[in-house]
Amino acid sequence: MNDSLEEKVREASKSINRCRTEIGKRIVGQTSMIDGMLMALIAGGHVLLEGVPGLAKTLAVKTIAEVIDADFK
């Protein structure tokens, strides 16, 4: 890997970890859901969140939108 690509990977990793940290301040115990949502976001894909009420699905999506400075509608 050349230096500029390695630097881009390091910066992307730092950004993802900052997102995880910020999201983790509000969403506790849902790391696999958050990681999946972040992977889909990075890949430009879609996510279907299923689960019983009270698992913070909507709050997780709203929190990610706030962290990346996106709209939540």
PDB file of N, CA and C in Angstrom:
ATOM      1  N   MET A   1       0.842  -1.183   0.000  1.00  0.00           N
ATOM      2  CA  MET A   1       0.000   0.000   0.000  1.00  0.00           C
ATOM      3  C   MET A   1       0.886   1.244   0.000  1.00  0.00           C
ATOM      4  N   ASN A   2       0.503   2.235  -0.783  1.00  0.00           N
ATOM      5  CA  ASN A   2       1.309   3.454  -0.760  1.00  0.00           C
ATOM      6  C   ASN A   2       0.912   4.327   0.424  1.00  0.00           C
ATOM      7  N   ASP A   3       1.744   5.313   0.713  1.00  0.00           N
ATOM      8  CA  ASP A   3       1.557   6.136   1.905  1.00  0.00           C
ATOM      9  C   ASP A   3       0.234   6.890   1.911  1.00  0.00           C
ATOM     10  N   SER A   4      -0.178   7.440   0.788  1.00  0.00           N
ATOM     11  CA  SER A   4      -1.413   8.223   0.791  1.00  0.00           C
ATOM     12  C   SER A   4      -2.629   7.328   1.027  1.00  0.00           C
ATOM     13  N   LEU A   5      -2.619   6.119   0.473  1.00  0.00           N
ATOM     14  CA  LEU A   5      -3.718   5.189   0.695  1.00  0.00           C
ATOM     15  C   LEU A   5      -3.745   4.738   2.158  1.00  0.00           C
ATOM     16  N   GLU A   6      -2.587   4.465   2.717  1.00  0.00           N
ATOM     17  CA  GLU A   6      -2.512   4.088   4.131  1.00  0.00           C
ATOM     18  C   GLU A   6      -3.034   5.214   5.017  1.00  0.00           C
ATOM     19  N   GLU A   7      -2.699   6.439   4.683  1.00  0.00           N
ATOM     20  CA  GLU A   7      -3.173   7.592   5.455  1.00  0.00           C
ATOM     21  C   GLU A   7      -4.689   7.720   5.353  1.00  0.00           C
ATOM     22  N   LYS A   8      -5.237   7.511   4.161  1.00  0.00           N
ATOM     23  CA  LYS A   8      -6.687   7.572   3.988  1.00  0.00           C
ATOM     24  C   LYS A   8      -7.389   6.488   4.806  1.00  0.00           C
ATOM     25  N   VAL A   9      -6.811   5.300   4.837  1.00  0.00           N
ATOM     26  CA  VAL A   9      -7.382   4.203   5.628  1.00  0.00           C
ATOM     27  C   VAL A   9      -7.327   4.543   7.111  1.00  0.00           C
ATOM     28  N   ARG A  10      -6.205   5.098   7.564  1.00  0.00           N
ATOM     29  CA  ARG A  10      -6.082   5.502   8.976  1.00  0.00           C
ATOM     30  C   ARG A  10      -7.115   6.563   9.335  1.00  0.00           C
ATOM     31  N   GLU A  11      -7.278   7.561   8.471  1.00  0.00           N
ATOM     32  CA  GLU A  11      -8.253   8.627   8.731  1.00  0.00           C
ATOM     33  C   GLU A  11      -9.681   8.090   8.735  1.00  0.00           C
ATOM     34  N   ALA A  12      -9.983   7.191   7.811  1.00  0.00           N
ATOM     35  CA  ALA A  12     -11.323   6.594   7.781  1.00  0.00           C
ATOM     36  C   ALA A  12     -11.574   5.787   9.047  1.00  0.00           C
ATOM     37  N   SER A  13     -10.575   5.058   9.487  1.00  0.00           N
ATOM     38  CA  SER A  13     -10.699   4.271  10.716  1.00  0.00           C
ATOM     39  C   SER A  13     -10.925   5.171  11.926  1.00  0.00           C
ATOM     40  N   LYS A  14     -10.212   6.278  11.980  1.00  0.00           N
ATOM     41  CA  LYS A  14     -10.401   7.232  13.075  1.00  0.00           C
ATOM     42  C   LYS A  14     -11.813   7.810  13.059  1.00  0.00           C
ATOM     43  N   SER A  15     -12.299   8.145  11.865  1.00  0.00           N
ATOM     44  CA  SER A  15     -13.650   8.700  11.750  1.00  0.00           C
ATOM     45  C   SER A  15     -14.703   7.694  12.196  1.00  0.00           C
ATOM     46  N   ILE A  16     -14.544   6.460  11.793  1.00  0.00           N
ATOM     47  CA  ILE A  16     -15.492   5.419  12.190  1.00  0.00           C
ATOM     48  C   ILE A  16     -15.458   5.220  13.697  1.00  0.00           C
ATOM     49  N   ASN A  17     -14.273   5.206  14.266  1.00  0.00           N
ATOM     50  CA  ASN A  17     -14.174   5.035  15.720  1.00  0.00           C
ATOM     51  C   ASN A  17     -14.772   6.215  16.475  1.00  0.00           C
ATOM     52  N   ARG A  18     -14.615   7.427  15.936  1.00  0.00           N
ATOM     53  CA  ARG A  18     -15.251   8.592  16.561  1.00  0.00           C
ATOM     54  C   ARG A  18     -16.766   8.466  16.501  1.00  0.00           C
ATOM     55  N   CYS A  19     -17.276   8.000  15.368  1.00  0.00           N
ATOM     56  CA  CYS A  19     -18.727   7.776  15.247  1.00  0.00           C
ATOM     57  C   CYS A  19     -19.191   6.750  16.263  1.00  0.00           C
ATOM     58  N   ARG A  20     -18.485   5.637  16.369  1.00  0.00           N
ATOM     59  CA  ARG A  20     -18.847   4.600  17.351  1.00  0.00           C
ATOM     60  C   ARG A  20     -18.858   5.168  18.766  1.00  0.00           C
ATOM     61  N   THR A  21     -17.858   5.969  19.076  1.00  0.00           N
ATOM     62  CA  THR A  21     -17.773   6.552  20.420  1.00  0.00           C
ATOM     63  C   THR A  21     -18.963   7.458  20.696  1.00  0.00           C
ATOM     64  N   GLU A  22     -19.282   8.330  19.752  1.00  0.00           N
ATOM     65  CA  GLU A  22     -20.406   9.248  19.940  1.00  0.00           C
ATOM     66  C   GLU A  22     -21.728   8.496  20.030  1.00  0.00           C
ATOM     67  N   ILE A  23     -21.923   7.517  19.176  1.00  0.00           N
ATOM     68  CA  ILE A  23     -23.155   6.732  19.203  1.00  0.00           C
ATOM     69  C   ILE A  23     -23.242   5.941  20.509  1.00  0.00           C
ATOM     70  N   GLY A  24     -22.118   5.426  20.959  1.00  0.00           N
ATOM     71  CA  GLY A  24     -22.069   4.649  22.193  1.00  0.00           C
ATOM     72  C   GLY A  24     -22.427   5.447  23.430  1.00  0.00           C
ATOM     73  N   LYS A  25     -22.337   6.757  23.343  1.00  0.00           N
ATOM     74  CA  LYS A  25     -22.743   7.593  24.473  1.00  0.00           C
ATOM     75  C   LYS A  25     -24.250   7.536  24.688  1.00  0.00           C
ATOM     76  N   ARG A  26     -25.000   7.222  23.636  1.00  0.00           N
ATOM     77  CA  ARG A  26     -26.451   7.211  23.725  1.00  0.00           C
ATOM     78  C   ARG A  26     -27.036   5.800  23.599  1.00  0.00           C
ATOM     79  N   ILE A  27     -26.392   4.940  22.818  1.00  0.00           N
ATOM     80  CA  ILE A  27     -26.892   3.586  22.570  1.00  0.00           C
ATOM     81  C   ILE A  27     -25.920   2.604  23.223  1.00  0.00           C
ATOM     82  N   VAL A  28     -26.401   1.871  24.208  1.00  0.00           N
ATOM     83  CA  VAL A  28     -25.548   0.950  24.961  1.00  0.00           C
ATOM     84  C   VAL A  28     -25.972  -0.487  24.679  1.00  0.00           C
ATOM     85  N   GLY A  29     -24.995  -1.349  24.442  1.00  0.00           N
ATOM     86  CA  GLY A  29     -25.268  -2.772  24.298  1.00  0.00           C
ATOM     87  C   GLY A  29     -25.765  -3.199  22.930  1.00  0.00           C
ATOM     88  N   GLN A  30     -25.665  -2.346  21.942  1.00  0.00           N
ATOM     89  CA  GLN A  30     -26.138  -2.670  20.595  1.00  0.00           C
ATOM     90  C   GLN A  30     -25.005  -2.516  19.578  1.00  0.00           C
ATOM     91  N   THR A  31     -23.811  -2.951  19.947  1.00  0.00           N
ATOM     92  CA  THR A  31     -22.645  -2.715  19.087  1.00  0.00           C
ATOM     93  C   THR A  31     -22.754  -3.405  17.735  1.00  0.00           C
ATOM     94  N   SER A  32     -23.284  -4.616  17.686  1.00  0.00           N
ATOM     95  CA  SER A  32     -23.372  -5.297  16.384  1.00  0.00           C
ATOM     96  C   SER A  32     -24.362  -4.590  15.466  1.00  0.00           C
ATOM     97  N   MET A  33     -25.464  -4.083  16.030  1.00  0.00           N
ATOM     98  CA  MET A  33     -26.426  -3.335  15.221  1.00  0.00           C
ATOM     99  C   MET A  33     -25.779  -2.058  14.694  1.00  0.00           C
ATOM    100  N   ILE A  34     -25.080  -1.350  15.545  1.00  0.00           N
ATOM    101  CA  ILE A  34     -24.435  -0.097  15.144  1.00  0.00           C
ATOM    102  C   ILE A  34     -23.366  -0.365  14.090  1.00  0.00           C
ATOM    103  N   ASP A  35     -22.549  -1.397  14.303  1.00  0.00           N
ATOM    104  CA  ASP A  35     -21.513  -1.730  13.323  1.00  0.00           C
ATOM    105  C   ASP A  35     -22.134  -2.073  11.977  1.00  0.00           C
ATOM    106  N   GLY A  36     -23.216  -2.824  11.980  1.00  0.00           N
ATOM    107  CA  GLY A  36     -23.895  -3.163  10.734  1.00  0.00           C
ATOM    108  C   GLY A  36     -24.439  -1.938  10.031  1.00  0.00           C
ATOM    109  N   MET A  37     -25.005  -1.030  10.806  1.00  0.00           N
ATOM    110  CA  MET A  37     -25.537   0.196  10.224  1.00  0.00           C
ATOM    111  C   MET A  37     -24.416   1.054   9.634  1.00  0.00           C
ATOM    112  N   LEU A  38     -23.295   1.153  10.331  1.00  0.00           N
ATOM    113  CA  LEU A  38     -22.170   1.926   9.812  1.00  0.00           C
ATOM    114  C   LEU A  38     -21.587   1.284   8.558  1.00  0.00           C
ATOM    115  N   MET A  39     -21.495  -0.047   8.540  1.00  0.00           N
ATOM    116  CA  MET A  39     -20.995  -0.733   7.339  1.00  0.00           C
ATOM    117  C   MET A  39     -21.894  -0.466   6.146  1.00  0.00           C
ATOM    118  N   ALA A  40     -23.203  -0.541   6.362  1.00  0.00           N
ATOM    119  CA  ALA A  40     -24.141  -0.279   5.272  1.00  0.00           C
ATOM    120  C   ALA A  40     -24.032   1.164   4.801  1.00  0.00           C
ATOM    121  N   LEU A  41     -23.856   2.087   5.732  1.00  0.00           N
ATOM    122  CA  LEU A  41     -23.713   3.495   5.382  1.00  0.00           C
ATOM    123  C   LEU A  41     -22.472   3.716   4.523  1.00  0.00           C
ATOM    124  N   ILE A  42     -21.367   3.120   4.923  1.00  0.00           N
ATOM    125  CA  ILE A  42     -20.111   3.266   4.183  1.00  0.00           C
ATOM    126  C   ILE A  42     -20.224   2.633   2.797  1.00  0.00           C
ATOM    127  N   ALA A  43     -20.906   1.485   2.726  1.00  0.00           N
ATOM    128  CA  ALA A  43     -21.037   0.760   1.458  1.00  0.00           C
ATOM    129  C   ALA A  43     -22.127   1.337   0.564  1.00  0.00           C
ATOM    130  N   GLY A  44     -22.925   2.262   1.098  1.00  0.00           N
ATOM    131  CA  GLY A  44     -24.001   2.844   0.310  1.00  0.00           C
ATOM    132  C   GLY A  44     -25.196   1.914   0.172  1.00  0.00           C
ATOM    133  N   GLY A  45     -25.364   1.029   1.147  1.00  0.00           N
ATOM    134  CA  GLY A  45     -26.442   0.063   1.091  1.00  0.00           C
ATOM    135  C   GLY A  45     -27.632   0.453   1.939  1.00  0.00           C
ATOM    136  N   HIS A  46     -28.490  -0.514   2.151  1.00  0.00           N
ATOM    137  CA  HIS A  46     -29.708  -0.324   2.926  1.00  0.00           C
ATOM    138  C   HIS A  46     -29.708  -1.269   4.117  1.00  0.00           C
ATOM    139  N   VAL A  47     -30.480  -0.918   5.141  1.00  0.00           N
ATOM    140  CA  VAL A  47     -30.566  -1.731   6.353  1.00  0.00           C
ATOM    141  C   VAL A  47     -32.029  -1.893   6.719  1.00  0.00           C
ATOM    142  N   LEU A  48     -32.406  -3.097   7.103  1.00  0.00           N
ATOM    143  CA  LEU A  48     -33.724  -3.360   7.651  1.00  0.00           C
ATOM    144  C   LEU A  48     -33.518  -3.749   9.105  1.00  0.00           C
ATOM    145  N   LEU A  49     -33.975  -2.910  10.013  1.00  0.00           N
ATOM    146  CA  LEU A  49     -33.836  -3.193  11.441  1.00  0.00           C
ATOM    147  C   LEU A  49     -35.105  -3.858  11.936  1.00  0.00           C
ATOM    148  N   GLU A  50     -34.959  -5.048  12.463  1.00  0.00           N
ATOM    149  CA  GLU A  50     -36.087  -5.779  13.017  1.00  0.00           C
ATOM    150  C   GLU A  50     -35.817  -6.048  14.486  1.00  0.00           C
ATOM    151  N   GLY A  51     -36.874  -6.121  15.247  1.00  0.00           N
ATOM    152  CA  GLY A  51     -36.733  -6.442  16.660  1.00  0.00           C
ATOM    153  C   GLY A  51     -37.946  -5.984  17.430  1.00  0.00           C
ATOM    154  N   VAL A  52     -38.006  -6.454  18.650  1.00  0.00           N
ATOM    155  CA  VAL A  52     -39.122  -6.092  19.508  1.00  0.00           C
ATOM    156  C   VAL A  52     -39.022  -4.611  19.865  1.00  0.00           C
ATOM    157  N   PRO A  53     -40.140  -4.008  20.249  1.00  0.00           N
ATOM    158  CA  PRO A  53     -40.101  -2.608  20.667  1.00  0.00           C
ATOM    159  C   PRO A  53     -39.159  -2.404  21.861  1.00  0.00           C
ATOM    160  N   GLY A  54     -38.529  -1.257  21.884  1.00  0.00           N
ATOM    161  CA  GLY A  54     -37.684  -0.905  23.019  1.00  0.00           C
ATOM    162  C   GLY A  54     -36.217  -1.220  22.857  1.00  0.00           C
ATOM    163  N   LEU A  55     -35.803  -1.623  21.668  1.00  0.00           N
ATOM    164  CA  LEU A  55     -34.383  -1.945  21.460  1.00  0.00           C
ATOM    165  C   LEU A  55     -33.585  -0.763  20.900  1.00  0.00           C
ATOM    166  N   ALA A  56     -34.174   0.401  20.868  1.00  0.00           N
ATOM    167  CA  ALA A  56     -33.507   1.659  20.463  1.00  0.00           C
ATOM    168  C   ALA A  56     -33.173   1.702  18.982  1.00  0.00           C
ATOM    169  N   LYS A  57     -33.979   1.068  18.161  1.00  0.00           N
ATOM    170  CA  LYS A  57     -33.731   1.091  16.715  1.00  0.00           C
ATOM    171  C   LYS A  57     -33.865   2.506  16.157  1.00  0.00           C
ATOM    172  N   THR A  58     -34.973   3.155  16.444  1.00  0.00           N
ATOM    173  CA  THR A  58     -35.193   4.508  15.934  1.00  0.00           C
ATOM    174  C   THR A  58     -34.181   5.480  16.531  1.00  0.00           C
ATOM    175  N   LEU A  59     -33.911   5.354  17.804  1.00  0.00           N
ATOM    176  CA  LEU A  59     -32.927   6.219  18.450  1.00  0.00           C
ATOM    177  C   LEU A  59     -31.541   6.025  17.831  1.00  0.00           C
ATOM    178  N   ALA A  60     -31.197   4.794  17.475  1.00  0.00           N
ATOM    179  CA  ALA A  60     -29.901   4.530  16.846  1.00  0.00           C
ATOM    180  C   ALA A  60     -29.799   5.228  15.500  1.00  0.00           C
ATOM    181  N   VAL A  61     -30.842   5.133  14.698  1.00  0.00           N
ATOM    182  CA  VAL A  61     -30.829   5.777  13.386  1.00  0.00           C
ATOM    183  C   VAL A  61     -30.758   7.297  13.545  1.00  0.00           C
ATOM    184  N   LYS A  62     -31.541   7.833  14.466  1.00  0.00           N
ATOM    185  CA  LYS A  62     -31.524   9.279  14.705  1.00  0.00           C
ATOM    186  C   LYS A  62     -30.145   9.721  15.195  1.00  0.00           C
ATOM    187  N   THR A  63     -29.532   8.941  16.052  1.00  0.00           N
ATOM    188  CA  THR A  63     -28.214   9.279  16.598  1.00  0.00           C
ATOM    189  C   THR A  63     -27.152   9.259  15.503  1.00  0.00           C
ATOM    190  N   ILE A  64     -27.187   8.236  14.657  1.00  0.00           N
ATOM    191  CA  ILE A  64     -26.226   8.182  13.553  1.00  0.00           C
ATOM    192  C   ILE A  64     -26.408   9.392  12.650  1.00  0.00           C
ATOM    193  N   ALA A  65     -27.638   9.759  12.361  1.00  0.00           N
ATOM    194  CA  ALA A  65     -27.889  10.943  11.526  1.00  0.00           C
ATOM    195  C   ALA A  65     -27.283  12.186  12.166  1.00  0.00           C
ATOM    196  N   GLU A  66     -27.435  12.328  13.470  1.00  0.00           N
ATOM    197  CA  GLU A  66     -26.864  13.494  14.159  1.00  0.00           C
ATOM    198  C   GLU A  66     -25.343  13.464  14.100  1.00  0.00           C
ATOM    199  N   VAL A  67     -24.758  12.294  14.297  1.00  0.00           N
ATOM    200  CA  VAL A  67     -23.293  12.178  14.329  1.00  0.00           C
ATOM    201  C   VAL A  67     -22.679  12.519  12.978  1.00  0.00           C
ATOM    202  N   ILE A  68     -23.328  12.114  11.895  1.00  0.00           N
ATOM    203  CA  ILE A  68     -22.770  12.385  10.564  1.00  0.00           C
ATOM    204  C   ILE A  68     -23.351  13.651   9.953  1.00  0.00           C
ATOM    205  N   ASP A  69     -24.130  14.381  10.743  1.00  0.00           N
ATOM    206  CA  ASP A  69     -24.727  15.652  10.315  1.00  0.00           C
ATOM    207  C   ASP A  69     -25.633  15.475   9.094  1.00  0.00           C
ATOM    208  N   ALA A  70     -26.506  14.471   9.184  1.00  0.00           N
ATOM    209  CA  ALA A  70     -27.487  14.192   8.122  1.00  0.00           C
ATOM    210  C   ALA A  70     -28.896  14.492   8.632  1.00  0.00           C
ATOM    211  N   ASP A  71     -29.832  14.553   7.718  1.00  0.00           N
ATOM    212  CA  ASP A  71     -31.226  14.760   8.091  1.00  0.00           C
ATOM    213  C   ASP A  71     -31.829  13.459   8.592  1.00  0.00           C
ATOM    214  N   PHE A  72     -32.754  13.577   9.529  1.00  0.00           N
ATOM    215  CA  PHE A  72     -33.524  12.432  10.024  1.00  0.00           C
ATOM    216  C   PHE A  72     -34.976  12.737   9.777  1.00  0.00           C
ATOM    217  N   LYS A  73     -35.596  11.950   8.898  1.00  0.00           N
ATOM    218  CA  LYS A  73     -37.001  12.174   8.562  1.00  0.00           C
ATOM    219  C   LYS A  73     -37.731  10.848   8.593  1.00  0.00           C
TER     220      LYS A  73
END
